[in-house]
Protein backbone atom coordinates (compact mmCIF):
# COMPACT_ATOMS: atom_id res chain seq x y z
CA MET A 1 -20.87 -11.52 9.37
CA GLY A 2 -20.05 -8.79 7.21
CA LEU A 3 -16.91 -9.13 4.55
CA ILE A 4 -14.27 -7.32 6.52
CA ASP A 5 -15.00 -9.47 9.26
CA SER A 6 -14.89 -12.58 7.46
CA THR A 7 -11.69 -11.54 5.72
CA MET A 8 -10.17 -10.77 9.02
CA ASN A 9 -11.57 -13.75 10.65
CA ASN A 10 -9.21 -15.76 7.90
CA VAL A 11 -5.94 -14.14 8.67
CA ARG A 12 -3.35 -16.95 10.04
CA PRO A 13 0.00 -16.31 11.40
CA PRO A 14 3.22 -17.31 8.90
CA ASP A 15 4.36 -20.61 8.75
CA GLY A 16 6.82 -21.09 11.80
CA ARG A 17 8.34 -24.60 10.51
CA ALA A 18 8.89 -23.02 6.59
CA MET A 19 10.21 -20.68 7.70
CA SER A 20 12.76 -22.13 9.38
CA ALA A 21 13.42 -24.71 6.61
CA ALA A 22 13.77 -21.71 4.46
CA ARG A 23 16.51 -20.69 6.71
CA THR A 24 18.44 -24.03 6.57
CA ARG A 25 18.51 -24.19 2.63
CA LEU A 26 19.66 -20.88 2.38
CA ASP A 27 22.67 -21.72 5.10
CA SER A 28 23.51 -24.67 2.65
CA LEU A 29 24.07 -22.53 -0.25
CA LEU A 30 27.29 -21.90 -1.83
CA LYS A 31 27.97 -18.62 -0.14
CA PRO A 32 28.70 -17.71 3.68
CA PRO A 33 25.73 -17.89 5.70
CA GLY A 34 23.36 -14.17 5.70
CA SER A 35 26.08 -13.36 3.10
CA LEU A 36 23.00 -12.09 0.74
CA GLY A 37 21.65 -10.31 3.57
CA ARG A 38 18.08 -8.82 2.81
CA LEU A 39 17.67 -11.06 -0.11
CA GLU A 40 17.64 -13.86 2.57
CA ASP A 41 15.77 -12.36 5.16
CA ILE A 42 12.97 -12.04 1.95
CA ALA A 43 12.99 -15.50 1.17
CA VAL A 44 12.22 -16.49 4.60
CA LYS A 45 9.60 -14.65 4.56
CA LEU A 46 7.79 -15.73 1.68
CA ALA A 47 8.46 -19.24 3.38
CA GLY A 48 6.30 -18.24 6.38
CA ILE A 49 3.82 -17.23 4.10
CA HIS A 50 3.37 -19.47 1.36
CA GLY A 51 3.78 -22.28 3.74
CA SER A 52 6.68 -23.94 2.31
CA VAL A 53 10.64 -23.21 0.80
CA GLY A 54 10.44 -21.59 -2.65
CA GLY A 55 7.62 -20.74 -3.70
CA SER A 56 6.83 -18.42 -7.37
CA VAL A 57 5.98 -15.16 -7.89
CA ARG A 58 5.36 -15.51 -11.71
CA LYS A 59 2.22 -13.41 -11.57
CA LYS A 60 2.27 -9.48 -10.29
CA THR A 61 -0.09 -7.75 -9.91
CA ILE A 62 -0.29 -4.10 -8.80
CA LEU A 63 -3.84 -2.79 -7.18
CA VAL A 64 -4.31 1.03 -7.64
CA MET A 65 -7.11 2.56 -6.15
CA CYS A 66 -8.41 6.28 -7.20
CA GLY A 67 -10.30 8.60 -5.33
CA ASP A 68 -10.28 12.58 -5.29
CA ASN A 69 -10.87 14.59 -2.26
CA GLY A 70 -12.33 17.39 -1.31
CA VAL A 71 -9.94 18.76 1.07
CA THR A 72 -8.02 20.32 -1.80
CA GLU A 73 -10.96 22.98 -1.39
CA GLU A 74 -8.50 24.49 1.48
CA LYS A 75 -5.09 24.85 -1.65
CA VAL A 76 -3.63 21.81 -0.10
CA SER A 77 -1.93 20.74 -3.67
CA SER A 78 0.00 22.40 -5.84
CA PHE A 79 -2.29 20.88 -8.86
CA PRO A 80 -5.96 20.61 -9.82
CA SER A 81 -8.26 17.68 -8.54
CA GLU A 82 -8.88 17.21 -12.40
CA ILE A 83 -5.56 16.13 -12.97
CA SER A 84 -6.30 12.73 -10.89
CA THR A 85 -8.93 11.60 -13.79
CA LEU A 86 -6.17 12.62 -16.38
CA VAL A 87 -3.74 10.39 -14.51
CA ALA A 88 -5.83 7.44 -14.81
CA GLU A 89 -6.25 7.86 -18.53
CA MET A 90 -2.91 8.22 -18.75
CA MET A 91 -2.08 5.07 -16.86
CA LEU A 92 -4.60 3.06 -18.50
CA ARG A 93 -2.90 4.12 -22.04
CA GLY A 94 0.79 2.61 -20.58
CA MET A 95 2.40 6.28 -20.45
CA SER A 96 2.04 7.01 -16.35
CA GLY A 97 5.51 5.99 -14.39
CA VAL A 98 3.58 2.84 -12.63
CA SER A 99 2.49 1.82 -16.20
CA VAL A 100 6.03 1.90 -17.92
CA LEU A 101 8.02 0.48 -14.62
CA ALA A 102 4.99 -2.43 -14.21
CA ARG A 103 5.50 -2.97 -17.79
CA HIS A 104 9.10 -3.49 -17.18
CA ALA A 105 8.57 -5.93 -14.23
CA GLY A 106 5.90 -7.83 -15.97
CA ALA A 107 3.70 -6.67 -13.78
CA GLU A 108 -0.32 -6.11 -14.31
CA LEU A 109 -2.13 -3.04 -13.09
CA VAL A 110 -5.47 -2.89 -11.96
CA VAL A 111 -7.16 0.88 -11.96
CA VAL A 112 -9.97 1.00 -9.89
CA ASP A 113 -12.02 4.17 -9.41
CA LEU A 114 -13.41 4.27 -6.17
CA GLY A 115 -14.50 8.00 -6.16
CA LEU A 116 -12.69 10.16 -8.77
CA TYR A 117 -14.70 13.13 -10.03
CA GLY A 118 -14.57 12.84 -13.72
CA ASP A 119 -15.55 9.73 -15.53
CA VAL A 120 -12.25 7.85 -16.91
CA THR A 121 -13.31 6.89 -20.57
CA ARG A 122 -10.37 4.84 -21.62
CA GLY A 123 -11.59 1.13 -21.22
CA GLY A 124 -10.19 -0.73 -18.54
CA ILE A 125 -10.83 1.17 -16.13
CA VAL A 126 -12.69 -0.89 -12.77
CA ASP A 127 -15.75 1.43 -11.77
CA ARG A 128 -16.68 1.13 -8.55
CA LYS A 129 -17.21 4.41 -7.81
CA ILE A 130 -19.14 5.19 -4.32
CA ARG A 131 -19.49 8.68 -5.34
CA ARG A 132 -17.57 11.91 -6.77
CA GLY A 133 -15.20 12.76 -4.32
CA THR A 134 -15.10 12.88 -0.97
CA SER A 135 -16.15 15.78 1.42
CA ASN A 136 -14.17 18.86 3.08
CA MET A 137 -12.72 17.29 6.07
CA THR A 138 -12.34 20.76 7.60
CA LYS A 139 -16.13 21.44 6.94
CA GLY A 140 -17.31 17.72 8.52
CA PRO A 141 -16.38 13.88 7.92
CA ALA A 142 -14.36 13.02 4.63
CA MET A 143 -17.30 10.04 4.21
CA ALA A 144 -20.01 8.52 5.84
CA ARG A 145 -19.16 5.44 7.81
CA ASP A 146 -20.96 2.95 5.92
CA GLU A 147 -18.91 4.78 2.62
CA ALA A 148 -15.70 4.25 4.28
CA VAL A 149 -16.41 0.42 4.76
CA ARG A 150 -18.00 -0.21 1.55
CA ALA A 151 -14.24 1.15 0.11
CA ILE A 152 -12.75 -0.99 2.40
CA GLU A 153 -14.95 -3.90 1.04
CA ILE A 154 -14.16 -3.39 -2.63
CA GLY A 155 -10.45 -3.44 -1.43
CA ILE A 156 -11.17 -6.96 -0.39
CA GLU A 157 -12.94 -7.78 -3.34
CA GLU A 158 -10.69 -6.31 -6.05
CA THR A 159 -7.64 -8.28 -3.90
CA ASN A 160 -9.64 -11.51 -4.15
CA GLY A 161 -10.37 -11.11 -8.04
CA ALA A 162 -7.11 -10.47 -8.67
CA ILE A 163 -5.83 -13.39 -6.76
CA ASP A 164 -8.79 -15.64 -8.39
CA ALA A 165 -7.23 -14.40 -11.57
CA GLY A 166 -3.82 -16.26 -10.47
CA ALA A 167 -1.70 -13.16 -8.73
CA ASP A 168 1.10 -14.71 -7.08
CA ILE A 169 2.24 -11.47 -5.32
CA LEU A 170 0.30 -7.68 -5.15
CA GLY A 171 1.67 -4.36 -5.05
CA THR A 172 -0.37 -1.46 -4.03
CA GLY A 173 -0.74 2.14 -5.67
CA GLU A 174 -3.30 5.89 -5.68
CA ILE A 175 -4.06 8.07 -7.59
CA GLY A 176 -5.79 11.36 -5.86
CA ILE A 177 -4.64 14.45 -5.63
CA GLY A 178 -4.43 16.04 -1.98
CA ASN A 179 -4.19 12.06 -0.80
CA THR A 180 -1.13 13.29 0.90
CA THR A 181 -3.01 15.40 3.39
CA THR A 182 -6.05 12.95 3.71
CA SER A 183 -3.00 10.56 4.87
CA SER A 184 -1.09 12.54 7.25
CA ALA A 185 -4.61 12.98 9.01
CA VAL A 186 -5.01 9.15 8.49
CA LEU A 187 -1.03 8.85 10.49
CA TYR A 188 -1.42 11.52 12.79
CA ALA A 189 -5.07 10.12 13.81
CA LEU A 190 -4.41 6.91 14.68
CA THR A 191 -0.44 7.79 16.11
CA GLY A 192 -0.91 10.81 17.71
CA TRP A 193 2.88 11.02 16.32
CA ASN A 194 4.52 14.77 16.18
CA ILE A 195 2.91 16.05 12.78
CA ASP A 196 5.87 17.38 11.92
CA GLU A 197 7.55 14.28 11.32
CA ILE A 198 4.27 13.26 9.53
CA VAL A 199 3.66 16.09 7.25
CA GLY A 200 5.63 16.74 4.09
CA ARG A 201 5.39 18.55 0.82
CA GLY A 202 3.55 16.46 -1.12
CA ALA A 203 3.76 17.06 -5.17
CA GLY A 204 5.76 20.28 -3.70
CA LEU A 205 4.58 22.54 -1.64
CA THR A 206 6.29 26.18 -0.05
CA ASP A 207 7.53 26.32 3.40
CA ASP A 208 4.07 28.62 3.76
CA GLY A 209 2.21 25.69 2.04
CA LEU A 210 3.71 23.33 3.94
CA ARG A 211 2.44 25.20 7.33
CA HIS A 212 -1.17 25.64 6.10
CA LYS A 213 -1.46 22.05 4.87
CA LYS A 214 -0.53 20.96 8.73
CA ASP A 215 -2.99 23.42 10.02
CA VAL A 216 -5.72 22.15 7.45
CA ILE A 217 -5.10 18.92 9.33
CA ARG A 218 -5.14 19.94 12.93
CA ARG A 219 -8.29 21.59 11.73
CA ALA A 220 -9.62 18.49 10.04
CA LEU A 221 -9.11 16.37 13.64
CA GLU A 222 -10.10 19.33 16.06
CA LEU A 223 -13.65 19.22 14.07
CA ASN A 224 -14.13 15.39 13.91
CA ARG A 225 -12.50 14.11 16.65
CA PRO A 226 -11.78 10.50 15.16
CA ASP A 227 -11.44 7.41 17.33
CA PRO A 228 -7.74 6.35 17.47
CA ALA A 229 -8.69 3.16 18.65
CA ASP A 230 -11.61 2.59 15.56
CA SER A 231 -9.50 2.83 11.88
CA VAL A 232 -13.19 3.01 10.34
CA ASP A 233 -13.74 5.86 12.32
CA VAL A 234 -10.28 7.75 10.90
CA LEU A 235 -10.83 6.56 7.75
CA ALA A 236 -14.27 7.62 7.45
CA LYS A 237 -13.83 11.43 8.83
CA VAL A 238 -10.27 12.47 7.64
CA GLY A 239 -9.14 9.74 4.85
CA GLY A 240 -9.86 9.16 1.28
CA PHE A 241 -11.69 6.34 -0.82
CA ASP A 242 -8.46 5.28 -1.91
CA ILE A 243 -6.86 4.78 1.23
CA ALA A 244 -9.71 2.60 2.77
CA GLY A 245 -9.47 0.65 -0.45
CA LEU A 246 -5.84 -0.17 0.02
CA ALA A 247 -6.62 -1.17 3.57
CA GLY A 248 -8.91 -3.57 2.23
CA CYS A 249 -6.43 -4.96 0.23
CA TYR A 250 -3.81 -6.25 3.06
CA LEU A 251 -6.84 -7.69 4.52
CA ALA A 252 -7.28 -9.78 1.85
CA ALA A 253 -3.83 -10.27 1.30
CA ALA A 254 -3.21 -11.51 4.74
CA ALA A 255 -6.23 -13.65 4.25
CA ARG A 256 -5.53 -15.28 1.16
CA ARG A 257 -1.62 -15.47 2.13
CA ARG A 258 -0.08 -13.57 -0.72
CA PRO A 259 2.77 -11.47 -0.05
CA ILE A 260 1.35 -7.69 -0.76
CA VAL A 261 4.39 -4.74 -1.23
CA ILE A 262 3.58 -1.15 0.37
CA ASP A 263 3.87 1.24 -2.27
CA GLY A 264 4.89 4.77 -0.50
CA PHE A 265 3.56 7.20 2.12
CA ILE A 266 -0.20 7.15 0.97
CA ALA A 267 0.20 3.08 0.62
CA GLY A 268 1.89 2.96 4.31
CA ALA A 269 -0.79 5.07 5.93
CA ALA A 270 -3.47 2.50 5.04
CA ALA A 271 -1.35 -0.23 5.85
CA VAL A 272 -1.10 1.02 9.50
CA ALA A 273 -4.96 1.52 9.21
CA ALA A 274 -5.09 -2.12 8.05
CA VAL A 275 -2.42 -3.45 10.80
CA LYS A 276 -4.78 -1.37 13.72
CA MET A 277 -7.90 -3.73 12.09
CA HIS A 278 -5.85 -6.78 12.25
CA PRO A 279 -2.21 -6.98 13.78
CA GLY A 280 -1.80 -9.86 11.77
CA ALA A 281 -1.80 -8.22 8.27
CA ARG A 282 1.46 -6.87 8.68
CA ASP A 283 3.21 -10.41 8.39
CA PHE A 284 2.26 -10.40 5.19
CA MET A 285 3.68 -7.04 3.93
CA PHE A 286 6.92 -5.55 2.34
CA THR A 287 7.95 -1.96 2.54
CA SER A 288 9.19 -1.09 -1.10
CA HIS A 289 11.05 2.27 -0.65
CA ALA A 290 12.21 4.95 1.86
CA SER A 291 10.09 7.74 0.10
CA ALA A 292 11.24 11.39 -0.05
CA GLU A 293 7.72 11.76 2.20
CA PRO A 294 8.90 11.98 5.86
CA GLY A 295 6.04 10.09 6.90
CA VAL A 296 7.39 7.21 5.21
CA ALA A 297 10.15 6.60 8.38
CA VAL A 298 7.29 6.93 11.06
CA ILE A 299 5.52 4.25 8.94
CA SER A 300 8.56 1.69 9.13
CA ARG A 301 9.16 2.28 12.56
CA ILE A 302 5.25 2.37 13.25
CA LEU A 303 5.44 -1.46 11.17
CA GLY A 304 8.59 -2.66 12.09
CA LEU A 305 9.22 -2.89 8.21
CA GLU A 306 12.80 -1.43 7.04
CA PRO A 307 11.98 -0.20 3.08
CA ILE A 308 13.88 -2.21 0.65
CA LEU A 309 14.75 0.55 -1.75
CA ALA A 310 16.25 3.92 -0.96
CA LEU A 311 15.81 5.88 -3.85
CA ASP A 312 14.30 9.39 -3.28
CA MET A 313 11.11 8.79 -5.02
CA ARG A 314 7.70 10.41 -3.97
CA LEU A 315 5.48 9.56 -7.07
CA GLY A 316 3.42 7.24 -5.89
CA GLU A 317 1.27 5.06 -8.50
CA GLY A 318 2.64 2.00 -7.15
CA THR A 319 6.01 2.89 -8.68
CA GLY A 320 7.51 1.29 -5.81
CA ALA A 321 6.19 -1.99 -5.94
CA ALA A 322 6.84 -2.30 -9.44
CA LEU A 323 10.25 -1.82 -8.58
CA VAL A 324 10.38 -3.71 -5.98
CA PHE A 325 8.44 -7.01 -7.42
CA GLN A 326 12.19 -7.65 -8.88
CA VAL A 327 14.30 -7.89 -5.98
CA ILE A 328 11.97 -10.21 -4.13
CA GLU A 329 11.35 -11.98 -7.12
CA GLY A 330 15.08 -12.35 -7.09
CA ALA A 331 15.24 -13.78 -3.48
CA VAL A 332 12.82 -16.65 -4.61
CA LYS A 333 14.71 -17.40 -7.56
CA ILE A 334 17.94 -17.83 -5.08
CA ILE A 335 16.09 -19.67 -2.54
CA ASN A 336 15.14 -21.64 -5.39
CA GLU A 337 18.08 -21.98 -8.54
CA MET A 338 21.40 -21.79 -6.17
CA GLY A 339 23.65 -24.63 -6.01
CA THR A 340 24.46 -25.97 -2.47
CA PHE A 341 27.92 -26.89 -0.69
CA LYS A 342 26.27 -30.53 -1.36
CA ASP A 343 26.25 -29.92 -4.51
CA ILE A 344 29.98 -29.78 -5.11
CA GLY A 345 30.43 -32.77 -2.76
CA MET A 346 31.10 -31.08 0.77
């Protein structure tokens, strides 16, 4: 049995009794029932994940999967692929968007190179390079099936490593120029959803650029014909190393019973792929924010998970996860620390 199968076999449903006990505890607190809205829903969901009321989210870890994409040859991005390696360097120097927000949230960053074209010279990178970028999906599969499997396995291994190091909650992030195109292709292939509702402007495409991006995705699917019932096939043919790695992160988090936060569109497409592999993975996911990328609304509907924040962000990297960690931590503190009517003799 391979690592992916053994991981999925360990996924179990949330603990219903713990969720019921959490709801009872919340209703006893010094407030009108339900008056803390979605904070209460978060606390209940966490109880189901942890198997007990309350719990802890003291150690927070964001897993950033990095990989370049051959489809950038088709001019689907406003930036050259060389930017990916530079962003990873800046992330490790503490100067990227997610670096700042992770530091603010007290979260650790684990930056994993699965397939950047360049080599990150700064210390701290986790070098799991499969190869230097995927192939151009308009000319053939983005990667071989065994490469997609290996990327998923790396996501599982790095998530297990973070949990073994004490992570109570995980976040997802990514680096890879062109990955809104690959994510759109993955989501389109898996769902058959209206392409106009999936594909966005990414880093700032013009109207002509957006039309071209949709055409590239259609051509890639017509050529490769990925099987919508097989996430690995879809990831291999039109995905990226970063997306496949993130799919593995979600599966491992579910198997190890840790909450995991979806960052934005790219991480969301990976979440859909993971849930297609094992529907139970959804029970351990939180969606961080309603990205400015239109496909996030589609992902939310497919997963049945409402974003916690709406800030019109579209940077990626894990920035939304870093912000939402603090909301989730607030929900835990409410159920653990707030007084009850019994405490005041009522």
